[in-house]
Amino acid sequence: MARILVVGGSLGGLMVANLLLRGGHEVRVLERSARSLEGRGAGIVTHEGLRKALRRAGAVVDATLGVPVASRVVLDARGQAIARWDYPQILTSWGRLYALLRAALPPKHHQLSAQVVSVLQDQHGVQATLRDGQELQADLLIAADGIRSSVRGQLAPDVQPQYAGYVAWRGVCDEASLSSQTRESLFEHFGFGLPEGEQMIGYPVAGADDSTQPGQRRWNFVWYRPADADVELVRLLTDADGVHHPDGIAPHQVDPRHVAGMRLAARERLAPQFAEIVEKTAVPFLQPIYDLASERLAFGRVALLGDAAFVARPHVGMGVAKAGDDAIALSECIVREGATTEALQHYEAWRLAPSRAVVQRARRLGAYLEAQHHGAAGLNDGRDTGRDAARVMRQTAIDPSLFEPEPESDPRPTSEAQAR
């Protein structure tokens, strides 16, 4: 039995902790927040791979996981359907997955207010020092602490998020507050809108108390809009008191004037159904879109996992699924090799190439939006930017088994181990 520390108590950290605990290891999750992360409502698209990871992690995956939809629809500016596709999916929320994974992890293995400030290692083990001075010893440490990973910052400080040139306005709206037209035209579908230079997507998720009953659900939306880094992004990340939040702004800190401007733009640019949802969303929030790709996943006795290693734009709907794939791969390597540096090296060889491919695909799907920032007609050597309505609908947030082959555009060599 090995002692393993998991830095970061979000979904990726909880999945790998549950898998390792079920593999017989002594695991402790270190979450920097003083409060539980439950209650976050952002939508999550599920795929079979993610459901597999959840089941292996001990989560109960049943009819309460999320809201099923049978099809997709693209609405034009008048609110008329211009494209449809029968494609069943189950849509859930971040908070729902968090609750399932926390329920699977015994409380003694989860520690709040545990901010890691330094990590030291030698050939025998690794030590994490917390802000309160506590020093924790382990055989391995897994950094699952997100895009701004403090552990990655110590081990690979040159790996930084790269802004894509656009933001996503996000939010969830209660079904009961919406008109019958909006409910009838959207709530049985995964919905799309394609205003010039922008993109809106949305889908139903469970409502209060995880209810999936009609009338009690919520609608989750993601509206991508260009924002140049030097002016517009700075403005959006500055609160009403003039304080700039370069690493991201909390929902309650977003300047109400920016929210009002976003709602006005929705009325001018979006289908009436989407505009109504945006108008009636109580607390919309803002997410700058970034790419992040680490050259390495293994650093001696420390491994990077999930968004601490790779961040793909949300167009692929793979953020949590990718973390689940990482968690399965890492736990299986530790089962075979033990809690050793060799296990982490094999994990790196397994997951580097697939993670790069997901990031590349997400960039291609977001190329049109990124082009607005660069003032060009398209990116990626003139390849199709995917603005055809049917193509967007059929390529966004689909199961990885349906991915088209990616063009060979990454010049970085692939090691023999990665090729295997």
Protein backbone atom coordinates (compact mmCIF):
# COMPACT_ATOMS: atom_id res chain seq x y z
CA MET A 1 0.00 0.00 0.00
CA ALA A 2 1.40 3.37 -1.06
CA ARG A 3 0.79 6.82 0.38
CA ILE A 4 -0.45 9.16 -2.35
CA LEU A 5 -1.32 12.85 -2.11
CA VAL A 6 -3.76 14.37 -4.60
CA VAL A 7 -3.51 18.16 -4.85
CA GLY A 8 -6.86 19.56 -5.97
CA GLY A 9 -10.32 18.38 -4.98
CA SER A 10 -12.16 19.07 -8.22
CA LEU A 11 -13.53 16.33 -10.48
CA GLY A 12 -10.21 15.01 -11.80
CA GLY A 13 -8.70 14.87 -8.33
CA LEU A 14 -11.73 13.08 -6.92
CA MET A 15 -11.78 10.52 -9.73
CA VAL A 16 -8.14 9.54 -9.36
CA ALA A 17 -8.41 9.53 -5.56
CA ASN A 18 -11.37 7.16 -5.67
CA LEU A 19 -9.65 4.88 -8.16
CA LEU A 20 -6.45 4.71 -6.12
CA LEU A 21 -8.34 4.19 -2.87
CA ARG A 22 -10.17 1.26 -4.44
CA GLY A 23 -6.77 -0.04 -5.53
CA GLY A 24 -5.76 -0.34 -1.88
CA HIS A 25 -3.66 2.80 -1.47
CA GLU A 26 -3.66 5.38 1.30
CA VAL A 27 -4.94 8.53 -0.39
CA ARG A 28 -5.46 12.08 0.79
CA VAL A 29 -7.06 14.82 -1.32
CA LEU A 30 -5.78 18.31 -0.53
CA GLU A 31 -8.29 21.01 -1.49
CA ARG A 32 -7.21 24.62 -1.02
CA SER A 33 -10.77 25.95 -0.62
CA ALA A 34 -12.14 26.25 2.90
CA ARG A 35 -15.56 25.13 1.71
CA SER A 36 -16.89 22.20 -0.25
CA LEU A 37 -17.09 22.87 -4.00
CA GLU A 38 -20.62 21.50 -4.35
CA GLY A 39 -23.40 23.55 -5.87
CA ARG A 40 -21.62 24.73 -9.01
CA GLY A 41 -24.06 24.58 -11.89
CA ALA A 42 -22.00 24.67 -15.09
CA GLY A 43 -23.12 22.07 -17.61
CA ILE A 44 -21.15 18.95 -18.50
CA VAL A 45 -21.58 16.79 -21.60
CA THR A 46 -21.18 13.10 -20.79
CA HIS A 47 -19.69 10.43 -23.04
CA GLU A 48 -19.44 6.69 -22.49
CA GLY A 49 -15.78 7.05 -21.49
CA LEU A 50 -16.68 9.51 -18.75
CA ARG A 51 -19.48 7.29 -17.48
CA LYS A 52 -17.02 4.39 -17.40
CA ALA A 53 -14.55 6.44 -15.33
CA LEU A 54 -17.29 7.48 -12.92
CA ARG A 55 -18.43 3.89 -12.41
CA ARG A 56 -14.86 2.68 -11.83
CA ALA A 57 -14.40 5.48 -9.31
CA GLY A 58 -17.37 4.21 -7.32
CA ALA A 59 -19.91 6.84 -8.37
CA VAL A 60 -23.51 5.75 -8.79
CA VAL A 61 -24.32 6.20 -12.48
CA ASP A 62 -28.05 5.78 -13.04
CA ALA A 63 -31.04 7.68 -14.40
CA THR A 64 -30.34 10.55 -11.99
CA LEU A 65 -26.99 11.34 -13.66
CA GLY A 66 -28.50 13.98 -15.93
CA VAL A 67 -31.05 14.96 -18.53
CA PRO A 68 -31.29 12.87 -21.72
CA VAL A 69 -31.86 14.52 -25.09
CA ALA A 70 -32.50 12.71 -28.35
CA SER A 71 -31.46 15.33 -30.89
CA ARG A 72 -29.75 18.60 -31.77
CA VAL A 73 -31.12 21.72 -33.41
CA VAL A 74 -29.62 24.92 -34.88
CA LEU A 75 -31.75 28.08 -34.60
CA ASP A 76 -31.34 31.12 -36.82
CA ALA A 77 -31.73 34.72 -35.64
CA ARG A 78 -35.52 34.48 -36.01
CA GLY A 79 -35.67 31.37 -33.82
CA GLN A 80 -36.39 29.00 -36.70
CA ALA A 81 -34.73 25.59 -36.92
CA ILE A 82 -32.32 25.48 -39.87
CA ALA A 83 -30.65 22.13 -39.11
CA ARG A 84 -31.48 19.05 -37.02
CA TRP A 85 -29.62 15.86 -36.09
CA ASP A 86 -30.79 12.85 -34.11
CA TYR A 87 -28.01 12.31 -31.58
CA PRO A 88 -28.87 11.01 -28.08
CA GLN A 89 -26.81 12.30 -25.16
CA ILE A 90 -27.00 12.70 -21.40
CA LEU A 91 -26.28 16.21 -20.13
CA THR A 92 -25.34 16.77 -16.52
CA SER A 93 -23.74 19.46 -14.37
CA TRP A 94 -20.44 19.96 -12.62
CA GLY A 95 -22.20 20.01 -9.25
CA ARG A 96 -23.93 16.69 -9.90
CA LEU A 97 -20.69 14.91 -10.75
CA TYR A 98 -18.97 16.47 -7.77
CA ALA A 99 -21.69 15.21 -5.43
CA LEU A 100 -21.44 11.68 -6.84
CA LEU A 101 -17.66 11.56 -6.52
CA ARG A 102 -17.60 13.05 -3.02
CA ALA A 103 -20.19 10.51 -1.91
CA ALA A 104 -17.86 7.75 -3.09
CA LEU A 105 -14.85 9.11 -1.15
CA PRO A 106 -14.83 8.60 2.63
CA PRO A 107 -14.51 11.98 4.41
CA LYS A 108 -11.26 11.06 6.16
CA HIS A 109 -9.53 11.06 2.76
CA HIS A 110 -10.53 14.64 1.91
CA GLN A 111 -8.99 17.74 3.52
CA LEU A 112 -10.23 21.31 3.05
CA SER A 113 -8.17 24.49 3.62
CA ALA A 114 -5.13 22.53 2.47
CA GLN A 115 -3.24 24.89 0.17
CA VAL A 116 0.05 23.42 -1.02
CA VAL A 117 2.82 26.02 -1.14
CA SER A 118 5.81 23.83 -1.94
CA VAL A 119 6.70 20.34 -3.09
CA LEU A 120 10.03 18.63 -2.46
CA GLN A 121 11.09 15.15 -3.52
CA ASP A 122 13.99 12.74 -3.50
CA GLN A 123 14.52 9.12 -4.52
CA HIS A 124 12.54 7.89 -1.51
CA GLY A 125 9.43 10.05 -1.55
CA VAL A 126 7.77 13.45 -1.84
CA GLN A 127 6.86 16.12 0.72
CA ALA A 128 4.09 18.69 0.39
CA THR A 129 4.14 21.73 2.66
CA LEU A 130 0.82 23.46 3.32
CA ARG A 131 0.26 27.14 3.96
CA ASP A 132 -0.37 26.44 7.65
CA GLY A 133 3.08 24.83 7.94
CA GLN A 134 1.89 21.24 7.93
CA GLU A 135 4.29 18.87 6.15
CA LEU A 136 2.88 15.75 4.53
CA GLN A 137 4.96 12.81 3.35
CA ALA A 138 4.01 10.43 0.56
CA ASP A 139 5.33 8.06 -2.06
CA LEU A 140 3.71 9.97 -4.94
CA LEU A 141 1.96 13.29 -5.47
CA ILE A 142 -0.65 13.92 -8.17
CA ALA A 143 -1.26 17.53 -9.21
CA ALA A 144 -4.90 17.89 -10.21
CA ASP A 145 -5.12 21.55 -9.27
CA GLY A 146 -6.36 23.00 -12.54
CA ILE A 147 -5.24 25.38 -15.22
CA ARG A 148 -3.42 27.64 -12.72
CA SER A 149 -1.74 24.66 -11.02
CA SER A 150 0.65 25.78 -8.31
CA VAL A 151 2.46 22.44 -8.47
CA ARG A 152 3.02 22.74 -12.21
CA GLY A 153 4.19 26.29 -11.59
CA GLN A 154 7.03 24.92 -9.48
CA LEU A 155 8.00 22.10 -11.83
CA ALA A 156 7.36 23.64 -15.26
CA PRO A 157 7.02 27.41 -14.84
CA ASP A 158 7.25 28.04 -18.58
CA VAL A 159 4.00 26.15 -19.23
CA GLN A 160 1.36 28.88 -19.14
CA PRO A 161 -2.23 29.19 -20.42
CA GLN A 162 -2.45 30.81 -23.86
CA TYR A 163 -5.47 33.06 -24.41
CA ALA A 164 -7.47 32.09 -27.52
CA GLY A 165 -8.89 35.53 -28.28
CA TYR A 166 -12.46 34.95 -27.13
CA VAL A 167 -14.54 34.43 -23.99
CA ALA A 168 -17.58 32.41 -23.05
CA TRP A 169 -20.51 33.91 -21.24
CA ARG A 170 -22.13 31.08 -19.28
CA GLY A 171 -25.10 30.53 -17.02
CA VAL A 172 -28.06 28.38 -16.08
CA CYS A 173 -31.71 29.43 -16.19
CA ASP A 174 -34.72 27.80 -14.50
CA GLU A 175 -37.06 26.14 -16.96
CA ALA A 176 -40.10 27.33 -15.02
CA SER A 177 -39.23 31.00 -15.69
CA LEU A 178 -39.24 30.61 -19.47
CA SER A 179 -41.98 31.04 -22.03
CA SER A 180 -43.75 28.03 -23.51
CA GLN A 181 -42.21 28.77 -26.93
CA THR A 182 -38.67 28.57 -25.55
CA ARG A 183 -39.40 25.44 -23.53
CA GLU A 184 -41.05 23.66 -26.45
CA SER A 185 -38.43 24.56 -29.04
CA LEU A 186 -35.30 23.95 -26.95
CA PHE A 187 -35.72 21.76 -23.89
CA GLU A 188 -35.77 18.44 -25.70
CA HIS A 189 -32.61 19.28 -27.67
CA PHE A 190 -28.98 20.28 -27.56
CA GLY A 191 -29.31 23.76 -29.10
CA PHE A 192 -27.02 25.88 -31.29
CA GLY A 193 -26.99 29.45 -32.54
CA LEU A 194 -24.42 30.88 -34.99
CA PRO A 195 -24.47 34.68 -35.07
CA GLU A 196 -21.74 36.20 -37.22
CA GLY A 197 -18.36 35.77 -35.53
CA GLU A 198 -19.85 34.08 -32.45
CA GLN A 199 -21.41 30.84 -31.28
CA MET A 200 -24.12 29.92 -28.79
CA ILE A 201 -24.74 26.42 -27.47
CA GLY A 202 -27.01 25.19 -24.73
CA TYR A 203 -28.77 22.18 -23.31
CA PRO A 204 -31.03 21.14 -20.41
CA VAL A 205 -29.55 20.04 -17.09
CA ALA A 206 -31.09 18.97 -13.80
CA GLY A 207 -32.69 21.60 -11.63
CA ALA A 208 -32.98 21.97 -7.85
CA ASP A 209 -32.43 18.75 -5.88
CA ASP A 210 -31.14 17.15 -9.09
CA SER A 211 -34.63 16.99 -10.55
CA THR A 212 -34.82 16.00 -14.20
CA GLN A 213 -38.60 16.32 -14.42
CA PRO A 214 -40.02 18.62 -17.13
CA GLY A 215 -40.75 22.01 -15.63
CA GLN A 216 -38.09 21.56 -12.94
CA ARG A 217 -34.98 21.48 -15.12
CA ARG A 218 -32.54 24.25 -16.00
CA TRP A 219 -31.01 25.39 -19.28
CA ASN A 220 -27.23 25.66 -19.42
CA PHE A 221 -25.80 28.02 -22.05
CA VAL A 222 -22.33 28.86 -23.34
CA TRP A 223 -22.01 31.92 -25.58
CA TYR A 224 -18.63 32.43 -27.27
CA ARG A 225 -17.75 36.03 -28.13
CA PRO A 226 -14.47 37.56 -29.40
CA ALA A 227 -12.57 39.79 -26.94
CA ASP A 228 -9.10 41.12 -27.71
CA ALA A 229 -6.58 40.56 -24.96
CA ASP A 230 -5.32 44.12 -24.55
CA VAL A 231 -8.59 46.03 -24.25
CA GLU A 232 -11.83 44.05 -24.16
CA LEU A 233 -10.61 41.15 -22.01
CA VAL A 234 -9.07 43.55 -19.50
CA ARG A 235 -12.35 45.44 -19.36
CA LEU A 236 -14.42 42.30 -18.81
CA LEU A 237 -12.12 41.04 -16.04
CA THR A 238 -12.32 44.34 -14.16
CA ASP A 239 -15.02 44.58 -11.49
CA ALA A 240 -17.26 47.54 -10.66
CA ASP A 241 -14.67 48.85 -8.17
CA GLY A 242 -11.98 48.97 -10.85
CA VAL A 243 -10.08 45.91 -9.60
CA HIS A 244 -8.63 43.77 -12.39
CA HIS A 245 -8.76 39.95 -11.99
CA PRO A 246 -6.32 38.63 -14.62
CA ASP A 247 -6.62 34.97 -13.61
CA GLY A 248 -10.42 34.94 -13.83
CA ILE A 249 -13.30 36.79 -12.25
CA ALA A 250 -15.85 35.26 -9.88
CA PRO A 251 -19.52 35.41 -10.94
CA HIS A 252 -20.47 37.89 -8.21
CA GLN A 253 -17.59 40.19 -9.17
CA VAL A 254 -18.55 40.64 -12.83
CA ASP A 255 -19.42 44.31 -13.40
CA PRO A 256 -23.23 44.61 -13.78
CA ARG A 257 -22.64 46.96 -16.70
CA HIS A 258 -20.91 44.15 -18.58
CA VAL A 259 -23.82 41.82 -17.84
CA ALA A 260 -26.28 44.43 -19.08
CA GLY A 261 -24.27 44.92 -22.28
CA MET A 262 -24.14 41.17 -22.86
CA ARG A 263 -27.93 40.91 -22.46
CA LEU A 264 -28.46 43.76 -24.90
CA ALA A 265 -26.23 42.01 -27.43
CA ALA A 266 -28.24 38.81 -26.94
CA ARG A 267 -31.44 40.61 -27.88
CA GLU A 268 -29.76 42.03 -30.97
CA ARG A 269 -27.84 38.95 -32.17
CA LEU A 270 -29.42 35.75 -30.92
CA ALA A 271 -32.60 33.79 -31.56
CA PRO A 272 -35.43 35.04 -29.31
CA GLN A 273 -35.32 31.79 -27.35
CA PHE A 274 -31.63 32.19 -26.52
CA ALA A 275 -32.08 35.90 -25.76
CA GLU A 276 -34.83 35.07 -23.28
CA ILE A 277 -32.63 32.52 -21.53
CA VAL A 278 -29.76 35.01 -21.27
CA GLU A 279 -32.13 37.69 -19.95
CA LYS A 280 -33.59 35.45 -17.25
CA THR A 281 -30.32 33.93 -16.04
CA ALA A 282 -29.82 35.39 -12.59
CA VAL A 283 -26.02 35.19 -12.32
CA PRO A 284 -24.24 34.76 -15.66
CA PHE A 285 -20.51 34.30 -15.43
CA LEU A 286 -17.50 34.84 -17.65
CA GLN A 287 -14.88 32.33 -18.79
CA PRO A 288 -11.88 33.42 -20.88
CA ILE A 289 -10.94 30.61 -23.26
CA TYR A 290 -7.41 29.24 -23.05
CA ASP A 291 -5.21 26.51 -24.48
CA LEU A 292 -2.66 24.78 -22.28
CA ALA A 293 -0.34 21.92 -23.18
CA SER A 294 2.43 20.57 -21.00
CA GLU A 295 5.46 18.93 -22.59
CA ARG A 296 5.64 16.49 -19.68
CA LEU A 297 3.27 14.77 -17.27
CA ALA A 298 5.81 13.05 -15.02
CA PHE A 299 8.34 14.87 -12.86
CA GLY A 300 10.01 12.23 -10.74
CA ARG A 301 7.43 11.30 -8.12
CA VAL A 302 4.97 13.99 -9.20
CA ALA A 303 2.39 13.61 -11.98
CA LEU A 304 0.14 16.19 -13.65
CA LEU A 305 -3.50 15.26 -14.31
CA GLY A 306 -6.50 16.87 -15.99
CA ASP A 307 -6.44 20.64 -16.50
CA ALA A 308 -3.13 20.91 -14.67
CA ALA A 309 -1.59 19.21 -17.71
CA PHE A 310 -3.77 20.00 -20.73
CA VAL A 311 -6.70 22.36 -21.22
CA ALA A 312 -8.81 21.94 -24.35
CA ARG A 313 -11.35 24.55 -25.36
CA PRO A 314 -14.90 23.55 -24.39
CA HIS A 315 -15.99 22.92 -28.01
CA VAL A 316 -14.94 19.28 -27.68
CA GLY A 317 -16.85 18.75 -24.43
CA MET A 318 -13.92 16.69 -23.15
CA GLY A 319 -12.60 18.49 -20.06
CA VAL A 320 -13.94 16.11 -17.44
CA ALA A 321 -13.81 13.09 -19.76
CA LYS A 322 -10.11 13.77 -20.41
CA ALA A 323 -9.47 13.96 -16.67
CA GLY A 324 -11.28 10.64 -16.28
CA ASP A 325 -9.08 9.06 -18.96
CA ASP A 326 -6.02 10.43 -17.16
CA ALA A 327 -7.23 9.03 -13.84
CA ILE A 328 -7.81 5.55 -15.27
CA ALA A 329 -4.43 5.50 -17.04
CA LEU A 330 -2.53 6.72 -13.98
CA SER A 331 -4.22 4.29 -11.59
CA GLU A 332 -3.59 1.37 -13.95
CA CYS A 333 0.09 2.29 -14.29
CA ILE A 334 0.43 2.39 -10.51
CA VAL A 335 -1.30 -1.01 -10.24
CA ARG A 336 1.23 -2.52 -12.68
CA GLU A 337 4.40 -0.68 -11.64
CA GLY A 338 3.73 0.26 -8.02
CA ALA A 339 4.07 3.78 -6.63
CA THR A 340 7.26 4.41 -8.58
CA THR A 341 8.76 6.90 -10.96
CA GLU A 342 8.53 4.23 -13.66
CA ALA A 343 4.75 4.12 -13.24
CA LEU A 344 4.51 7.87 -13.80
CA GLN A 345 6.75 7.66 -16.86
CA HIS A 346 4.49 5.01 -18.37
CA TYR A 347 1.47 7.20 -17.58
CA GLU A 348 3.14 10.08 -19.43
CA ALA A 349 3.84 7.90 -22.46
CA TRP A 350 0.22 6.72 -22.47
CA ARG A 351 -1.51 10.09 -22.15
CA LEU A 352 0.67 12.72 -23.86
CA ALA A 353 -0.33 12.04 -27.46
CA PRO A 354 -4.10 11.65 -26.86
CA SER A 355 -4.16 14.83 -24.79
CA ARG A 356 -2.34 16.77 -27.48
CA ALA A 357 -4.83 15.49 -30.05
CA VAL A 358 -7.81 16.71 -27.99
CA VAL A 359 -6.26 20.18 -27.62
CA GLN A 360 -5.55 20.29 -31.37
CA ARG A 361 -9.12 19.27 -32.21
CA ALA A 362 -10.55 21.88 -29.86
CA ARG A 363 -8.42 24.56 -31.50
CA ARG A 364 -9.69 23.55 -34.91
CA LEU A 365 -13.32 23.74 -33.77
CA GLY A 366 -12.68 27.17 -32.29
CA ALA A 367 -10.67 28.48 -35.24
CA TYR A 368 -13.47 30.68 -36.55
CA LEU A 369 -13.82 32.44 -33.19
CA GLU A 370 -10.07 32.80 -32.84
CA ALA A 371 -9.94 34.29 -36.34
CA GLN A 372 -12.07 37.22 -35.17
CA HIS A 373 -9.31 38.09 -32.73
CA HIS A 374 -6.63 37.90 -35.41
CA GLY A 375 -8.69 39.67 -38.05
CA ALA A 376 -8.34 36.79 -40.50
CA ALA A 377 -10.78 34.63 -42.38
CA GLY A 378 -9.54 31.48 -40.69
CA LEU A 379 -6.64 29.73 -39.01
CA ASN A 380 -4.85 26.40 -39.20
CA ASP A 381 -3.39 26.81 -42.71
CA GLY A 382 -6.74 27.56 -44.31
CA ARG A 383 -8.48 24.41 -43.13
CA ASP A 384 -12.26 24.41 -42.81
CA THR A 385 -13.25 26.44 -39.75
CA GLY A 386 -16.52 24.56 -39.45
CA ARG A 387 -19.10 27.35 -39.72
CA ASP A 388 -21.57 25.32 -41.75
CA ALA A 389 -24.52 24.84 -39.36
CA ALA A 390 -24.81 21.09 -39.83
CA ARG A 391 -21.06 20.61 -39.47
CA VAL A 392 -20.88 22.63 -36.26
CA MET A 393 -23.78 20.64 -34.84
CA ARG A 394 -22.20 17.31 -35.77
CA GLN A 395 -18.69 18.09 -34.50
CA THR A 396 -19.25 19.92 -31.21
CA ALA A 397 -19.13 17.96 -27.94
CA ILE A 398 -19.59 14.54 -29.52
CA ASP A 399 -18.36 11.16 -28.32
CA PRO A 400 -14.63 10.72 -29.10
CA SER A 401 -15.43 7.60 -31.11
CA LEU A 402 -16.96 9.92 -33.74
CA PHE A 403 -13.97 12.26 -34.03
CA GLU A 404 -12.64 12.78 -37.51
CA PRO A 405 -8.91 12.06 -38.01
CA GLU A 406 -6.86 15.13 -37.16
CA PRO A 407 -4.47 16.59 -39.76
CA GLU A 408 -0.81 15.91 -39.10
CA SER A 409 0.19 19.39 -37.96
CA ASP A 410 2.14 18.82 -34.74
CA PRO A 411 5.83 18.77 -35.67
CA ARG A 412 6.98 17.58 -32.25
CA PRO A 413 8.56 14.10 -32.35
CA THR A 414 6.79 11.20 -30.73
CA SER A 415 8.95 8.95 -28.57
CA GLU A 416 9.01 5.20 -29.07
CA ALA A 417 7.21 4.77 -25.77
CA GLN A 418 4.47 7.18 -26.81
CA ALA A 419 4.11 5.41 -30.16
CA ARG A 420 3.40 2.17 -28.36
